Structure formats: structure tokens, C-alpha cells
């Protein structure tokens, strides 16, 4: 991660064909998108401060982008 962020503090917004969900990064890492191409984080924020953060705080392998898969 770009900084020493707590995965339980980072809330990841995931767009899904059935709707939008927000989960802690720790849960996203544990369950992740797997091979599902349509699931990827679209936003991330700090739960503690509400501050919007860049997607780069999410480790590349969990962004479910083509280079990271």
C-alpha cells in the first residue's frame, strides 16, 4: 500500500452489476473478486475520517485490473 493504512479502516466501494457495495479492505482482501472481471473497486475512503483516498492505497493485486490479475 502507498502508506501504512489499516485495511480495517479503508472502506472500498465495489460496483457490481447487481448494485454497489462498500466493504472494509480487509474483507475485500479475504474474499476478493477472484476471477470475476466485472468486480473491481471504484472508490476508497478512510472509515475514521471519511476522506476519499486514491485507489493506489489498495494493493494492485486486489484492484482487479488487467495488469494486477
C-alpha atoms as a PDB file:
ATOM      1  CA  UNK A   1       0.000   0.000   0.000  1.00  0.00           C
ATOM      2  CA  UNK A   2       1.156   3.519  -0.659  1.00  0.00           C
ATOM      3  CA  UNK A   3       1.192   4.352   3.040  1.00  0.00           C
ATOM      4  CA  UNK A   4       0.706   2.336   6.197  1.00  0.00           C
ATOM      5  CA  UNK A   5      -3.082   2.225   6.006  1.00  0.00           C
ATOM      6  CA  UNK A   6      -5.071  -0.102   8.237  1.00  0.00           C
ATOM      7  CA  UNK A   7      -7.065  -2.476   5.968  1.00  0.00           C
ATOM      8  CA  UNK A   8      -9.909  -2.406   8.523  1.00  0.00           C
ATOM      9  CA  UNK A   9     -10.087   1.401   8.243  1.00  0.00           C
ATOM     10  CA  UNK A  10     -10.211   1.529   4.449  1.00  0.00           C
ATOM     11  CA  UNK A  11     -13.708   1.208   3.039  1.00  0.00           C
ATOM     12  CA  UNK A  12     -13.776   0.014  -0.560  1.00  0.00           C
ATOM     13  CA  UNK A  13     -16.690   0.773  -2.878  1.00  0.00           C
ATOM     14  CA  UNK A  14     -17.255  -2.055  -5.346  1.00  0.00           C
ATOM     15  CA  UNK A  15     -19.509  -1.682  -8.375  1.00  0.00           C
ATOM     16  CA  UNK A  16     -21.364  -4.867  -9.263  1.00  0.00           C
ATOM     17  CA  UNK A  17     -23.965  -5.478 -11.962  1.00  0.00           C
ATOM     18  CA  UNK A  18     -26.475  -6.144  -9.155  1.00  0.00           C
ATOM     19  CA  UNK A  19     -25.607  -2.989  -7.183  1.00  0.00           C
ATOM     20  CA  UNK A  20     -22.960  -1.064  -5.306  1.00  0.00           C
ATOM     21  CA  UNK A  21     -21.472  -2.335  -2.048  1.00  0.00           C
ATOM     22  CA  UNK A  22     -18.998  -0.898   0.421  1.00  0.00           C
ATOM     23  CA  UNK A  23     -16.768  -3.268   2.406  1.00  0.00           C
ATOM     24  CA  UNK A  24     -13.634  -2.931   4.522  1.00  0.00           C
ATOM     25  CA  UNK A  25     -10.464  -3.555   2.540  1.00  0.00           C
ATOM     26  CA  UNK A  26      -9.626  -6.420   4.909  1.00  0.00           C
ATOM     27  CA  UNK A  27     -12.843  -8.208   3.845  1.00  0.00           C
ATOM     28  CA  UNK A  28     -12.197  -7.459   0.152  1.00  0.00           C
ATOM     29  CA  UNK A  29      -8.695  -8.949   0.513  1.00  0.00           C
ATOM     30  CA  UNK A  30     -10.073 -12.042   2.281  1.00  0.00           C
ATOM     31  CA  UNK A  31     -12.861 -12.698  -0.230  1.00  0.00           C
ATOM     32  CA  UNK A  32     -11.679 -10.639  -3.173  1.00  0.00           C
ATOM     33  CA  UNK A  33     -13.069 -10.622  -6.649  1.00  0.00           C
ATOM     34  CA  UNK A  34     -11.425 -13.852  -7.711  1.00  0.00           C
ATOM     35  CA  UNK A  35     -11.720 -14.352 -11.449  1.00  0.00           C
ATOM     36  CA  UNK A  36     -14.816 -12.140 -11.766  1.00  0.00           C
ATOM     37  CA  UNK A  37     -13.831  -9.410 -14.226  1.00  0.00           C
ATOM     38  CA  UNK A  38     -16.852  -7.229 -13.517  1.00  0.00           C
ATOM     39  CA  UNK A  39     -15.979  -6.715  -9.847  1.00  0.00           C
ATOM     40  CA  UNK A  40     -13.480  -4.001  -9.093  1.00  0.00           C
ATOM     41  CA  UNK A  41     -13.107  -1.222  -6.555  1.00  0.00           C
ATOM     42  CA  UNK A  42     -14.213   2.144  -7.842  1.00  0.00           C
ATOM     43  CA  UNK A  43     -13.528   4.231  -4.735  1.00  0.00           C
ATOM     44  CA  UNK A  44     -11.881   4.008  -1.338  1.00  0.00           C
ATOM     45  CA  UNK A  45     -12.186   6.126   1.776  1.00  0.00           C
ATOM     46  CA  UNK A  46     -10.962   6.174   5.343  1.00  0.00           C
ATOM     47  CA  UNK A  47     -13.656   4.954   7.710  1.00  0.00           C
ATOM     48  CA  UNK A  48     -12.173   7.065  10.546  1.00  0.00           C
ATOM     49  CA  UNK A  49     -12.058  10.386   8.696  1.00  0.00           C
ATOM     50  CA  UNK A  50     -14.356   9.896   5.693  1.00  0.00           C
ATOM     51  CA  UNK A  51     -11.523  11.178   3.493  1.00  0.00           C
ATOM     52  CA  UNK A  52     -11.608   9.945  -0.106  1.00  0.00           C
ATOM     53  CA  UNK A  53      -8.344   8.228  -0.997  1.00  0.00           C
ATOM     54  CA  UNK A  54      -6.740   7.214  -4.283  1.00  0.00           C
ATOM     55  CA  UNK A  55      -7.228   3.641  -5.461  1.00  0.00           C
ATOM     56  CA  UNK A  56      -3.455   3.236  -5.228  1.00  0.00           C
ATOM     57  CA  UNK A  57      -3.821   2.627  -1.465  1.00  0.00           C
ATOM     58  CA  UNK A  58      -5.324  -0.745  -2.429  1.00  0.00           C
ATOM     59  CA  UNK A  59      -2.595  -3.266  -3.271  1.00  0.00           C
ATOM     60  CA  UNK A  60      -2.517  -3.767  -7.045  1.00  0.00           C
ATOM     61  CA  UNK A  61      -3.473  -7.452  -6.916  1.00  0.00           C
ATOM     62  CA  UNK A  62      -6.772  -6.531  -5.176  1.00  0.00           C
ATOM     63  CA  UNK A  63      -7.810  -3.809  -7.640  1.00  0.00           C
ATOM     64  CA  UNK A  64      -8.855  -6.484 -10.172  1.00  0.00           C
ATOM     65  CA  UNK A  65      -7.385  -4.576 -13.063  1.00  0.00           C
ATOM     66  CA  UNK A  66      -5.930  -6.449 -16.018  1.00  0.00           C
ATOM     67  CA  UNK A  67      -2.220  -5.900 -15.102  1.00  0.00           C
ATOM     68  CA  UNK A  68      -2.804  -6.972 -11.476  1.00  0.00           C
ATOM     69  CA  UNK A  69      -4.640 -10.208 -12.277  1.00  0.00           C
END
